Amino acid sequence: MLSIMERFVAIGDAVKALGVSITTLRRWEAEGRLVPDRTAGRQRRYDLAKLKPELFHAAPSGRKTIRPHGELSCIGLKMLLKLIA
């Protein structure tokens, strides 16, 4: 099981877990699909337990996506496996 410090990750680790770009993650935040926690210095921290690819990869109608729905990067898969171990 991940410690609380390992569970909350910076934006770079979050995008690796989901297999998307930083721009995409920030767009999802602006759309209200994802709400990060903030440090005292106002840096985003994402809860790995809430980063479920199936919740985020469905593209809105009229929008094209490059990655197939539900595809997860190797790093993301490793992070998720640590959560359930």
C-alpha atoms as a PDB file:
ATOM      1  CA  MET A   1       0.000   0.000   0.000  1.00  0.00           C
ATOM      2  CA  LEU A   2       1.247   3.513  -0.786  1.00  0.00           C
ATOM      3  CA  SER A   3       1.990   5.978   1.988  1.00  0.00           C
ATOM      4  CA  ILE A   4       0.100   9.284   1.991  1.00  0.00           C
ATOM      5  CA  MET A   5       3.190  11.026   0.559  1.00  0.00           C
ATOM      6  CA  GLU A   6       3.400   8.529  -2.322  1.00  0.00           C
ATOM      7  CA  ARG A   7      -0.336   8.692  -2.973  1.00  0.00           C
ATOM      8  CA  PHE A   8      -0.426  12.422  -3.697  1.00  0.00           C
ATOM      9  CA  VAL A   9       1.724  13.191  -6.716  1.00  0.00           C
ATOM     10  CA  ALA A  10       2.824  16.217  -8.714  1.00  0.00           C
ATOM     11  CA  ILE A  11       1.300  16.955 -12.104  1.00  0.00           C
ATOM     12  CA  GLY A  12       4.177  15.274 -13.972  1.00  0.00           C
ATOM     13  CA  ASP A  13       3.585  11.954 -12.211  1.00  0.00           C
ATOM     14  CA  ALA A  14      -0.182  12.269 -12.645  1.00  0.00           C
ATOM     15  CA  VAL A  15       0.100  12.693 -16.421  1.00  0.00           C
ATOM     16  CA  LYS A  16       2.414   9.664 -16.595  1.00  0.00           C
ATOM     17  CA  ALA A  17      -0.124   7.608 -14.635  1.00  0.00           C
ATOM     18  CA  LEU A  18      -2.928   8.578 -17.016  1.00  0.00           C
ATOM     19  CA  GLY A  19      -0.848   8.678 -20.203  1.00  0.00           C
ATOM     20  CA  VAL A  20      -1.924  12.206 -21.158  1.00  0.00           C
ATOM     21  CA  SER A  21      -0.273  15.614 -21.493  1.00  0.00           C
ATOM     22  CA  ILE A  22      -0.109  18.306 -18.818  1.00  0.00           C
ATOM     23  CA  THR A  23      -2.346  20.448 -21.038  1.00  0.00           C
ATOM     24  CA  THR A  24      -4.995  17.719 -21.050  1.00  0.00           C
ATOM     25  CA  LEU A  25      -4.877  17.335 -17.280  1.00  0.00           C
ATOM     26  CA  ARG A  26      -5.263  21.096 -16.803  1.00  0.00           C
ATOM     27  CA  ARG A  27      -8.163  21.153 -19.293  1.00  0.00           C
ATOM     28  CA  TRP A  28      -9.898  18.377 -17.331  1.00  0.00           C
ATOM     29  CA  GLU A  29      -9.381  20.461 -14.203  1.00  0.00           C
ATOM     30  CA  ALA A  30     -10.916  23.531 -15.902  1.00  0.00           C
ATOM     31  CA  GLU A  31     -13.877  21.382 -17.025  1.00  0.00           C
ATOM     32  CA  GLY A  32     -14.400  20.197 -13.431  1.00  0.00           C
ATOM     33  CA  ARG A  33     -13.642  16.569 -14.291  1.00  0.00           C
ATOM     34  CA  LEU A  34     -10.699  16.515 -11.893  1.00  0.00           C
ATOM     35  CA  VAL A  35      -9.936  18.546  -8.760  1.00  0.00           C
ATOM     36  CA  PRO A  36      -6.357  18.494  -7.447  1.00  0.00           C
ATOM     37  CA  ASP A  37      -5.353  19.258  -3.901  1.00  0.00           C
ATOM     38  CA  ARG A  38      -2.962  22.179  -3.418  1.00  0.00           C
ATOM     39  CA  THR A  39       0.172  22.493  -1.311  1.00  0.00           C
ATOM     40  CA  ALA A  40       0.796  25.532   0.885  1.00  0.00           C
ATOM     41  CA  GLY A  41       2.766  26.917  -2.076  1.00  0.00           C
ATOM     42  CA  ARG A  42      -0.304  26.389  -4.356  1.00  0.00           C
ATOM     43  CA  GLN A  43       1.233  23.522  -6.338  1.00  0.00           C
ATOM     44  CA  ARG A  44      -1.165  20.883  -7.640  1.00  0.00           C
ATOM     45  CA  ARG A  45      -1.118  17.434  -6.040  1.00  0.00           C
ATOM     46  CA  TYR A  46      -3.176  14.609  -7.477  1.00  0.00           C
ATOM     47  CA  ASP A  47      -4.531  11.670  -5.508  1.00  0.00           C
ATOM     48  CA  LEU A  48      -3.479   8.473  -7.314  1.00  0.00           C
ATOM     49  CA  ALA A  49      -6.472   6.684  -5.809  1.00  0.00           C
ATOM     50  CA  LYS A  50      -8.773   9.045  -7.766  1.00  0.00           C
ATOM     51  CA  LEU A  51      -6.893   8.881 -11.095  1.00  0.00           C
ATOM     52  CA  LYS A  52      -8.989   6.235 -12.784  1.00  0.00           C
ATOM     53  CA  PRO A  53      -8.331   6.383 -16.534  1.00  0.00           C
ATOM     54  CA  GLU A  54     -11.826   5.230 -17.471  1.00  0.00           C
ATOM     55  CA  LEU A  55     -13.283   8.350 -15.818  1.00  0.00           C
ATOM     56  CA  PHE A  56     -11.205  10.751 -17.871  1.00  0.00           C
ATOM     57  CA  HIS A  57     -10.420   9.256 -21.276  1.00  0.00           C
ATOM     58  CA  ALA A  58     -13.859   9.568 -22.838  1.00  0.00           C
ATOM     59  CA  ALA A  59     -13.560  12.494 -25.246  1.00  0.00           C
ATOM     60  CA  PRO A  60     -16.506  14.891 -25.523  1.00  0.00           C
ATOM     61  CA  SER A  61     -18.465  14.629 -28.763  1.00  0.00           C
ATOM     62  CA  GLY A  62     -16.870  16.484 -31.648  1.00  0.00           C
ATOM     63  CA  ARG A  63     -13.425  16.145 -30.087  1.00  0.00           C
ATOM     64  CA  LYS A  64     -10.817  13.765 -31.481  1.00  0.00           C
ATOM     65  CA  THR A  65      -8.454  11.854 -29.246  1.00  0.00           C
ATOM     66  CA  ILE A  66      -5.112  10.314 -30.138  1.00  0.00           C
ATOM     67  CA  ARG A  67      -5.015   7.543 -27.520  1.00  0.00           C
ATOM     68  CA  PRO A  68      -7.640   4.789 -27.535  1.00  0.00           C
ATOM     69  CA  HIS A  69     -10.140   5.003 -24.681  1.00  0.00           C
ATOM     70  CA  GLY A  70      -8.896   3.457 -21.465  1.00  0.00           C
ATOM     71  CA  GLU A  71      -5.264   3.073 -22.551  1.00  0.00           C
ATOM     72  CA  LEU A  72      -2.905   3.275 -19.594  1.00  0.00           C
ATOM     73  CA  SER A  73       0.824   3.902 -19.691  1.00  0.00           C
ATOM     74  CA  CYS A  74       3.236   1.384 -18.157  1.00  0.00           C
ATOM     75  CA  ILE A  75       4.114   3.840 -15.389  1.00  0.00           C
ATOM     76  CA  GLY A  76       0.439   4.430 -14.692  1.00  0.00           C
ATOM     77  CA  LEU A  77      -0.219   0.718 -14.496  1.00  0.00           C
ATOM     78  CA  LYS A  78       2.649   0.242 -12.037  1.00  0.00           C
ATOM     79  CA  MET A  79       1.308   3.081  -9.840  1.00  0.00           C
ATOM     80  CA  LEU A  80      -2.199   1.611  -9.849  1.00  0.00           C
ATOM     81  CA  LEU A  81      -0.892  -1.875  -9.030  1.00  0.00           C
ATOM     82  CA  LYS A  82       0.899  -0.430  -5.978  1.00  0.00           C
ATOM     83  CA  LEU A  83      -2.434   0.992  -4.812  1.00  0.00           C
ATOM     84  CA  ILE A  84      -4.178  -2.354  -4.773  1.00  0.00           C
ATOM     85  CA  ALA A  85      -1.232  -4.378  -3.452  1.00  0.00           C
END
